[in-house]
Amino acid sequence: MSNKVVRIDVHKDLIEVLENLRASVANEMKAQYGLTEITVPRTLSSQILAAKLQGKTTLDIHVRKTGLTCGVLELF
């Protein structure tokens, strides 16, 4: 586990928001890169939400291809 990841207790509504954000990003990237399957790490949605709340307007997100039509999202 990364040194930047901590475990916390959160309300189930936040979990739902993070999962919806994660699905939204995955669907957008699948369409943009013509992929049929994309893996979004569980912590990516909380990193995106934190960046939005910090006022960041751009994020350095990359797709690491793991197959012809598969990939993994990474935030740099």
Protein backbone atom coordinates (compact mmCIF):
# COMPACT_ATOMS: atom_id res chain seq x y z
CA MET A 1 0.00 0.00 0.00
CA SER A 2 1.25 3.47 -0.85
CA ASN A 3 2.39 5.81 1.91
CA LYS A 4 -0.23 8.30 0.68
CA VAL A 5 -3.18 5.96 1.29
CA VAL A 6 -4.97 5.82 4.63
CA ARG A 7 -8.08 3.96 5.72
CA ILE A 8 -10.98 5.99 7.13
CA ASP A 9 -14.62 5.48 8.02
CA VAL A 10 -16.98 7.39 5.74
CA HIS A 11 -20.70 7.70 5.25
CA LYS A 12 -22.14 5.38 2.61
CA ASP A 13 -23.27 8.38 0.55
CA LEU A 14 -19.63 9.34 -0.03
CA ILE A 15 -18.85 5.81 -1.15
CA GLU A 16 -21.68 6.05 -3.68
CA VAL A 17 -20.39 9.42 -4.95
CA LEU A 18 -16.86 8.05 -5.33
CA GLU A 19 -18.08 4.95 -7.18
CA ASN A 20 -20.19 7.10 -9.53
CA LEU A 21 -17.17 9.32 -10.21
CA ARG A 22 -15.02 6.26 -10.82
CA ALA A 23 -17.55 4.81 -13.29
CA SER A 24 -17.92 8.15 -15.06
CA VAL A 25 -14.17 8.53 -15.54
CA ALA A 26 -13.87 4.92 -16.70
CA ASN A 27 -16.65 5.28 -19.28
CA GLU A 28 -15.20 8.56 -20.57
CA MET A 29 -11.72 7.08 -20.96
CA LYS A 30 -13.05 3.88 -22.57
CA ALA A 31 -14.84 5.96 -25.20
CA GLN A 32 -11.91 8.33 -25.72
CA TYR A 33 -9.34 5.56 -26.20
CA GLY A 34 -11.59 2.94 -27.84
CA LEU A 35 -11.17 0.40 -25.05
CA THR A 36 -13.61 -2.33 -24.07
CA GLU A 37 -12.20 -2.78 -20.57
CA ILE A 38 -10.47 -0.33 -18.27
CA THR A 39 -9.36 -0.74 -14.68
CA VAL A 40 -9.70 2.24 -12.38
CA PRO A 41 -7.83 1.87 -9.09
CA ARG A 42 -10.05 2.31 -6.04
CA THR A 43 -8.12 5.32 -4.77
CA LEU A 44 -8.26 7.20 -8.08
CA SER A 45 -11.76 8.55 -7.51
CA SER A 46 -10.83 9.99 -4.11
CA GLN A 47 -7.71 11.58 -5.67
CA ILE A 48 -9.86 13.16 -8.40
CA LEU A 49 -12.40 14.42 -5.87
CA ALA A 50 -9.65 15.85 -3.66
CA ALA A 51 -8.09 17.63 -6.65
CA LYS A 52 -11.46 19.15 -7.59
CA LEU A 53 -12.01 20.37 -4.04
CA GLN A 54 -8.52 21.89 -4.05
CA GLY A 55 -9.49 23.90 -7.13
CA LYS A 56 -7.32 22.08 -9.65
CA THR A 57 -8.67 22.36 -13.17
CA THR A 58 -6.44 19.80 -14.87
CA LEU A 59 -5.23 16.36 -13.86
CA ASP A 60 -2.46 14.29 -15.36
CA ILE A 61 -4.33 11.04 -16.05
CA HIS A 62 -2.81 8.39 -18.29
CA VAL A 63 -4.04 5.09 -19.65
CA ARG A 64 -1.47 2.31 -19.42
CA LYS A 65 -2.44 -0.23 -22.06
CA THR A 66 -2.38 -3.81 -20.79
CA GLY A 67 -3.79 -5.36 -23.93
CA LEU A 68 -5.18 -4.48 -27.33
CA THR A 69 -8.47 -3.20 -25.90
CA CYS A 70 -7.66 -3.07 -22.18
CA GLY A 71 -5.94 -0.57 -19.95
CA VAL A 72 -5.40 0.81 -16.47
CA LEU A 73 -5.95 4.44 -15.49
CA GLU A 74 -3.09 6.12 -13.64
CA LEU A 75 -2.90 9.56 -12.07
CA PHE A 76 0.48 11.31 -12.09
